[in-house]
């Protein structure tokens, strides 16, 4: 069994980068100066992950104000509006307002991948996409399209993003659908989410793809739909609700997908007891017959202060090492190019 680690998503900004972003907004510095600060901070983020022994790394998405904004900023017929709490976090996003069928004027990820993938060696660069259903149903739809039609249009644009990013050198594509963990999600919406995630993942060619669900545990009926998704791996947030998550995994497993376990808690600054994390992983993998396992954080690390995120990355690397010993697996410290 091959075991690897990766943070789930974005990382927090340093004090220096926060100041640079404020200065740019006030007109104190120009875009070139901001870009220099962003690239420097992103290289630090990559270095922190690589030195922790993680196989798949992110550029940090340090210039992203929320998971939707980079796409909203370059699509026609959608604009960011007022702030709303992002699920149950002390974190807000600007609600996208769709006024027509969205159209891309440019693309978010390909250029970033070309810049950072060569600098991520020996790790592979992961890109993170918002899921079409989470994107659509956390937005306002002022179009003549139904929500289902709008979500399908969003999926088409995200699929183009993925195709170009993989061509540019992305090693892993993650699609975030935290709405699938909402206890009140309807069955039809679960079907739609799985259908559209599969559609986006299909554009990744032979690259590994992940459906990431966090901020809770999906209902059993929703998870049964998730198991039909056409992605390489399924990532489940165990640390947020360990009892219900482990019960779900024990009863339903991961199907034909590789397992990714969200173990390191991203919503606290305290160090997780690593023996408890190892025990949870062993329990989740009791009947697992897959050839590889990923371990990750419960959610994005940008929810905690900057000074604590590196210790979380180190803990993630330690967890990979311990699980490799415990399970007799092989640690993946570099990605085999597909």
Protein backbone atom coordinates (compact mmCIF):
# COMPACT_ATOMS: atom_id res chain seq x y z
CA UNK A 1 0.00 0.00 0.00
CA UNK A 2 1.35 3.44 -0.95
CA UNK A 3 0.71 6.26 1.51
CA UNK A 4 0.99 9.97 0.75
CA UNK A 5 0.08 13.31 2.27
CA UNK A 6 -1.26 16.63 1.00
CA UNK A 7 -3.02 19.64 2.56
CA UNK A 8 -6.65 19.79 1.51
CA UNK A 9 -6.58 23.30 0.11
CA UNK A 10 -5.51 26.90 0.61
CA UNK A 11 -3.00 28.16 3.16
CA UNK A 12 -3.02 31.31 5.32
CA UNK A 13 -1.27 34.54 4.38
CA UNK A 14 1.73 35.94 6.18
CA UNK A 15 1.69 39.38 7.79
CA UNK A 16 3.93 40.68 4.98
CA UNK A 17 1.59 39.44 2.25
CA UNK A 18 -1.50 40.79 4.01
CA UNK A 19 0.15 44.20 4.11
CA UNK A 20 1.08 43.98 0.43
CA UNK A 21 -2.52 43.16 -0.52
CA UNK A 22 -3.81 46.12 1.54
CA UNK A 23 -1.21 48.42 0.02
CA UNK A 24 -2.18 47.34 -3.48
CA UNK A 25 -5.87 47.98 -2.80
CA UNK A 26 -4.97 51.49 -1.54
CA UNK A 27 -2.75 52.20 -4.54
CA UNK A 28 0.44 52.35 -2.46
CA UNK A 29 2.17 49.65 -4.56
CA UNK A 30 1.68 48.56 -8.16
CA UNK A 31 0.71 45.13 -9.47
CA UNK A 32 4.31 44.11 -10.16
CA UNK A 33 5.23 44.73 -6.52
CA UNK A 34 2.19 42.77 -5.37
CA UNK A 35 3.06 39.93 -7.75
CA UNK A 36 6.57 39.78 -6.32
CA UNK A 37 5.17 39.46 -2.80
CA UNK A 38 2.69 36.78 -3.90
CA UNK A 39 5.30 34.68 -5.69
CA UNK A 40 7.70 34.92 -2.77
CA UNK A 41 5.03 33.85 -0.29
CA UNK A 42 3.90 31.01 -2.56
CA UNK A 43 7.47 29.69 -2.77
CA UNK A 44 7.65 29.69 1.03
CA UNK A 45 4.36 27.74 1.12
CA UNK A 46 5.66 25.20 -1.39
CA UNK A 47 8.90 24.81 0.56
CA UNK A 48 7.05 24.21 3.83
CA UNK A 49 5.02 21.41 2.24
CA UNK A 50 7.92 19.78 0.41
CA UNK A 51 10.13 19.84 3.51
CA UNK A 52 7.31 18.09 5.42
CA UNK A 53 7.53 15.20 2.94
CA UNK A 54 4.16 15.76 1.27
CA UNK A 55 3.69 14.16 -2.14
CA UNK A 56 1.11 16.59 -3.52
CA UNK A 57 1.40 20.30 -2.75
CA UNK A 58 -0.63 23.43 -3.43
CA UNK A 59 0.61 26.87 -4.34
CA UNK A 60 -1.33 28.14 -1.33
CA UNK A 61 -3.98 30.07 -3.31
CA UNK A 62 -2.77 33.04 -1.27
CA UNK A 63 -4.42 35.62 -3.53
CA UNK A 64 -7.82 33.89 -3.37
CA UNK A 65 -10.33 35.75 -1.21
CA UNK A 66 -12.63 32.72 -1.31
CA UNK A 67 -12.96 29.54 -3.36
CA UNK A 68 -15.37 31.12 -5.88
CA UNK A 69 -13.87 34.60 -6.40
CA UNK A 70 -11.06 33.78 -8.86
CA UNK A 71 -13.57 32.29 -11.29
CA UNK A 72 -16.24 34.93 -10.70
CA UNK A 73 -13.62 37.61 -11.45
CA UNK A 74 -12.93 36.32 -14.98
CA UNK A 75 -16.34 35.01 -16.05
CA UNK A 76 -18.93 37.07 -17.84
CA UNK A 77 -22.49 37.37 -16.46
CA UNK A 78 -21.50 36.87 -12.81
CA UNK A 79 -20.31 39.32 -10.18
CA UNK A 80 -19.41 39.11 -6.47
CA UNK A 81 -21.95 40.72 -4.12
CA UNK A 82 -22.41 40.87 -0.33
CA UNK A 83 -20.65 38.79 2.28
CA UNK A 84 -22.13 35.59 3.70
CA UNK A 85 -20.74 33.08 6.19
CA UNK A 86 -19.08 30.10 4.51
CA UNK A 87 -20.89 27.16 6.09
CA UNK A 88 -20.39 27.25 9.89
CA UNK A 89 -16.95 28.89 9.87
CA UNK A 90 -15.83 32.29 11.08
CA UNK A 91 -15.05 32.96 7.43
CA UNK A 92 -17.04 34.82 4.80
CA UNK A 93 -17.29 34.76 1.02
CA UNK A 94 -18.81 37.18 -1.47
CA UNK A 95 -21.96 35.64 -2.90
CA UNK A 96 -21.69 35.25 -6.70
CA UNK A 97 -24.65 36.78 -8.57
CA UNK A 98 -25.33 35.13 -11.93
CA UNK A 99 -27.26 37.32 -14.39
CA UNK A 100 -26.84 35.06 -17.43
CA UNK A 101 -25.12 31.93 -18.63
CA UNK A 102 -21.48 32.27 -17.47
CA UNK A 103 -18.72 32.54 -20.07
CA UNK A 104 -14.97 32.40 -19.51
CA UNK A 105 -12.80 35.32 -20.62
CA UNK A 106 -9.62 33.60 -19.39
CA UNK A 107 -8.61 30.74 -17.09
CA UNK A 108 -7.40 30.59 -13.50
CA UNK A 109 -5.20 27.53 -13.15
CA UNK A 110 -3.13 26.86 -16.27
CA UNK A 111 -0.83 29.84 -15.84
CA UNK A 112 -0.35 29.09 -12.13
CA UNK A 113 0.51 25.47 -12.89
CA UNK A 114 3.09 26.47 -15.49
CA UNK A 115 4.70 28.77 -12.94
CA UNK A 116 4.69 26.54 -9.85
CA UNK A 117 4.73 22.91 -11.03
CA UNK A 118 8.45 22.99 -11.92
CA UNK A 119 9.18 24.53 -8.51
CA UNK A 120 7.20 21.86 -6.66
CA UNK A 121 9.59 19.03 -7.50
CA UNK A 122 9.90 16.34 -6.25
CA UNK A 123 6.24 16.74 -5.27
CA UNK A 124 3.37 17.08 -7.72
CA UNK A 125 1.24 20.22 -7.90
CA UNK A 126 -2.41 19.85 -6.93
CA UNK A 127 -5.13 22.16 -8.20
CA UNK A 128 -8.37 22.72 -6.28
CA UNK A 129 -11.70 23.48 -7.93
CA UNK A 130 -15.06 24.41 -6.40
CA UNK A 131 -17.67 21.75 -7.09
CA UNK A 132 -20.35 22.87 -9.58
CA UNK A 133 -23.24 22.25 -7.17
CA UNK A 134 -21.62 23.96 -4.16
CA UNK A 135 -20.70 26.86 -6.47
CA UNK A 136 -24.22 27.23 -7.89
CA UNK A 137 -26.27 26.67 -4.75
CA UNK A 138 -24.18 29.09 -2.70
CA UNK A 139 -24.77 31.76 -5.36
CA UNK A 140 -27.78 33.82 -6.44
CA UNK A 141 -29.36 32.80 -9.71
CA UNK A 142 -30.89 35.81 -11.52
CA UNK A 143 -30.80 34.11 -14.91
CA UNK A 144 -33.50 32.44 -16.95
CA UNK A 145 -31.73 29.11 -16.34
CA UNK A 146 -32.83 26.64 -13.72
CA UNK A 147 -30.31 25.93 -10.96
CA UNK A 148 -29.62 22.57 -12.59
CA UNK A 149 -28.93 24.21 -15.96
CA UNK A 150 -26.73 26.85 -14.34
CA UNK A 151 -24.76 24.20 -12.43
CA UNK A 152 -24.21 22.32 -15.70
CA UNK A 153 -22.88 25.49 -17.33
CA UNK A 154 -20.56 26.04 -14.37
CA UNK A 155 -19.36 22.45 -14.72
CA UNK A 156 -18.53 23.04 -18.40
CA UNK A 157 -16.30 26.00 -17.50
CA UNK A 158 -14.62 24.12 -14.66
CA UNK A 159 -14.00 21.15 -16.95
CA UNK A 160 -12.19 23.46 -19.38
CA UNK A 161 -10.13 24.76 -16.44
CA UNK A 162 -9.13 21.24 -15.49
CA UNK A 163 -8.22 20.22 -19.03
CA UNK A 164 -5.91 23.21 -19.48
CA UNK A 165 -4.37 22.82 -16.02
CA UNK A 166 -3.57 19.14 -16.62
CA UNK A 167 -2.06 20.00 -19.99
CA UNK A 168 0.08 22.59 -18.18
CA UNK A 169 1.38 19.95 -15.74
CA UNK A 170 -1.05 19.57 -12.82
CA UNK A 171 -0.54 16.19 -11.13
CA UNK A 172 -3.73 16.02 -9.06
CA UNK A 173 -7.16 17.58 -9.52
CA UNK A 174 -9.37 18.06 -6.46
CA UNK A 175 -13.03 19.04 -6.73
CA UNK A 176 -14.54 20.36 -3.49
CA UNK A 177 -18.24 19.61 -2.84
CA UNK A 178 -18.74 20.34 0.87
CA UNK A 179 -22.47 20.78 0.20
CA UNK A 180 -22.65 16.96 0.02
CA UNK A 181 -22.10 16.91 3.80
CA UNK A 182 -25.11 19.16 4.43
CA UNK A 183 -27.62 17.06 6.42
CA UNK A 184 -30.51 18.71 4.57
CA UNK A 185 -29.28 18.17 1.01
CA UNK A 186 -31.91 16.62 -1.23
CA UNK A 187 -31.44 13.29 -2.96
CA UNK A 188 -31.83 14.84 -6.43
CA UNK A 189 -29.17 17.41 -5.63
CA UNK A 190 -26.84 14.63 -4.53
CA UNK A 191 -27.38 12.92 -7.90
CA UNK A 192 -26.67 16.19 -9.72
CA UNK A 193 -23.49 16.82 -7.73
CA UNK A 194 -22.10 13.37 -8.51
CA UNK A 195 -23.01 13.67 -12.20
CA UNK A 196 -21.34 17.07 -12.58
CA UNK A 197 -18.25 16.22 -10.54
CA UNK A 198 -17.79 13.19 -12.80
CA UNK A 199 -18.16 15.49 -15.79
CA UNK A 200 -15.43 17.83 -14.53
CA UNK A 201 -13.16 14.93 -13.58
CA UNK A 202 -13.48 13.38 -17.04
CA UNK A 203 -11.56 16.33 -18.49
CA UNK A 204 -8.49 15.47 -16.38
CA UNK A 205 -7.41 12.77 -18.82
CA UNK A 206 -5.22 10.26 -16.98
CA UNK A 207 -4.39 12.53 -14.02
CA UNK A 208 -5.61 11.53 -10.58
CA UNK A 209 -8.87 13.18 -9.50
CA UNK A 210 -10.39 13.66 -6.04
CA UNK A 211 -13.90 14.40 -4.81
CA UNK A 212 -13.43 16.18 -1.47
CA UNK A 213 -16.26 16.34 1.08
CA UNK A 214 -15.76 18.21 4.35
CA UNK A 215 -17.47 20.22 7.10
CA UNK A 216 -19.29 17.10 8.24
CA UNK A 217 -20.29 13.58 7.32
CA UNK A 218 -22.59 12.83 4.34
CA UNK A 219 -25.81 10.95 4.98
CA UNK A 220 -25.65 7.28 4.07
CA UNK A 221 -27.96 7.70 1.07
CA UNK A 222 -25.87 10.60 -0.25
CA UNK A 223 -22.62 8.73 0.29
CA UNK A 224 -23.97 5.78 -1.67
CA UNK A 225 -24.37 8.18 -4.59
CA UNK A 226 -20.84 9.52 -4.03
CA UNK A 227 -19.50 5.99 -4.41
CA UNK A 228 -20.80 6.07 -8.00
CA UNK A 229 -18.78 9.17 -8.87
CA UNK A 230 -16.20 8.78 -11.63
CA UNK A 231 -13.18 10.10 -9.77
CA UNK A 232 -9.97 8.38 -8.72
CA UNK A 233 -10.26 9.13 -4.99
CA UNK A 234 -12.78 10.16 -2.37
CA UNK A 235 -11.69 12.43 0.48
CA UNK A 236 -13.71 12.30 3.69
CA UNK A 237 -13.39 14.70 6.64
CA UNK A 238 -12.90 12.40 9.63
CA UNK A 239 -11.58 14.88 12.18
CA UNK A 240 -14.66 17.13 12.18
CA UNK A 241 -17.13 14.39 13.14
CA UNK A 242 -14.98 11.28 13.78
CA UNK A 243 -17.66 9.03 15.22
CA UNK A 244 -20.14 9.40 12.35
CA UNK A 245 -17.44 9.51 9.66
CA UNK A 246 -15.75 6.32 10.82
CA UNK A 247 -19.10 4.58 11.17
CA UNK A 248 -19.95 5.55 7.59
CA UNK A 249 -16.59 4.35 6.23
CA UNK A 250 -16.77 1.10 8.16
CA UNK A 251 -20.20 0.33 6.74
CA UNK A 252 -19.73 1.58 3.16
CA UNK A 253 -15.99 1.75 2.50
CA UNK A 254 -14.61 3.64 -0.49
CA UNK A 255 -15.85 1.40 -3.28
CA UNK A 256 -13.39 1.27 -6.16
CA UNK A 257 -11.87 4.62 -5.20
CA UNK A 258 -8.63 5.29 -3.37
CA UNK A 259 -9.20 6.55 0.17
CA UNK A 260 -8.17 9.99 1.37
CA UNK A 261 -8.58 10.56 5.10
CA UNK A 262 -9.07 14.09 6.45
CA UNK A 263 -7.42 13.65 9.85
CA UNK A 264 -5.35 16.70 10.84
CA UNK A 265 -7.73 19.28 12.30
CA UNK A 266 -7.59 22.55 10.35
CA UNK A 267 -9.96 24.44 12.64
CA UNK A 268 -7.83 24.47 15.78
CA UNK A 269 -4.33 25.75 16.50
CA UNK A 270 -3.65 22.91 18.91
CA UNK A 271 -1.59 19.88 17.95
CA UNK A 272 -3.73 16.80 17.34
CA UNK A 273 -2.73 13.76 19.42
CA UNK A 274 -1.01 11.75 16.71
CA UNK A 275 -1.80 8.39 18.33
CA UNK A 276 -5.51 9.18 18.03
CA UNK A 277 -5.05 10.10 14.36
CA UNK A 278 -3.21 6.84 13.68
CA UNK A 279 -5.91 4.83 15.47
CA UNK A 280 -8.63 6.55 13.42
CA UNK A 281 -6.77 5.82 10.18
CA UNK A 282 -6.25 2.16 11.09
CA UNK A 283 -9.94 1.85 11.92
CA UNK A 284 -10.97 3.50 8.63
CA UNK A 285 -8.69 1.21 6.64
CA UNK A 286 -9.58 -2.03 8.41
CA UNK A 287 -11.24 -3.64 5.38
CA UNK A 288 -9.66 -1.40 2.75
CA UNK A 289 -8.17 -3.23 -0.24
CA UNK A 290 -6.93 -0.29 -2.28
CA UNK A 291 -3.35 0.15 -3.37
CA UNK A 292 -2.88 3.70 -2.06
CA UNK A 293 -4.08 5.97 0.72
CA UNK A 294 -3.89 9.74 1.05
CA UNK A 295 -3.96 11.62 4.33
CA UNK A 296 -4.91 15.26 4.50
CA UNK A 297 -6.30 18.03 6.68
CA UNK A 298 -9.96 18.26 7.64
CA UNK A 299 -10.41 21.39 5.55
CA UNK A 300 -8.31 24.23 4.11
CA UNK A 301 -5.59 25.51 6.43
CA UNK A 302 -6.40 29.16 5.73
CA UNK A 303 -8.87 29.04 8.63
CA UNK A 304 -6.04 29.16 11.20
CA UNK A 305 -3.42 31.88 11.86
CA UNK A 306 -0.28 31.81 9.75
CA UNK A 307 2.08 30.98 12.61
CA UNK A 308 0.36 27.63 13.21
CA UNK A 309 -0.03 26.19 9.73
CA UNK A 310 3.54 24.93 9.34
CA UNK A 311 3.20 22.79 12.47
CA UNK A 312 0.06 21.28 10.93
CA UNK A 313 1.99 20.44 7.76
CA UNK A 314 4.74 18.81 9.81
CA UNK A 315 2.16 16.79 11.70
CA UNK A 316 0.72 15.64 8.39
CA UNK A 317 4.18 14.48 7.31
CA UNK A 318 4.69 12.66 10.63
CA UNK A 319 1.34 10.95 10.18
CA UNK A 320 2.38 9.64 6.75
CA UNK A 321 5.58 8.22 8.28
CA UNK A 322 3.77 6.56 11.18
CA UNK A 323 1.06 5.05 9.01
CA UNK A 324 3.70 3.71 6.62
CA UNK A 325 5.26 1.87 9.56
CA UNK A 326 1.97 0.84 11.14
CA UNK A 327 0.42 -0.49 7.95
CA UNK A 328 3.59 -1.80 6.39
CA UNK A 329 3.09 0.59 3.51
CA UNK A 330 5.42 2.55 1.27
CA UNK A 331 5.67 6.29 1.79
CA UNK A 332 5.38 8.28 -1.43
CA UNK A 333 7.73 11.25 -1.16
CA UNK A 334 7.55 12.03 -4.84
CA UNK A 335 4.92 11.70 -7.51
CA UNK A 336 5.31 9.37 -10.45
CA UNK A 337 4.37 11.40 -13.48
CA UNK A 338 1.42 9.92 -15.31
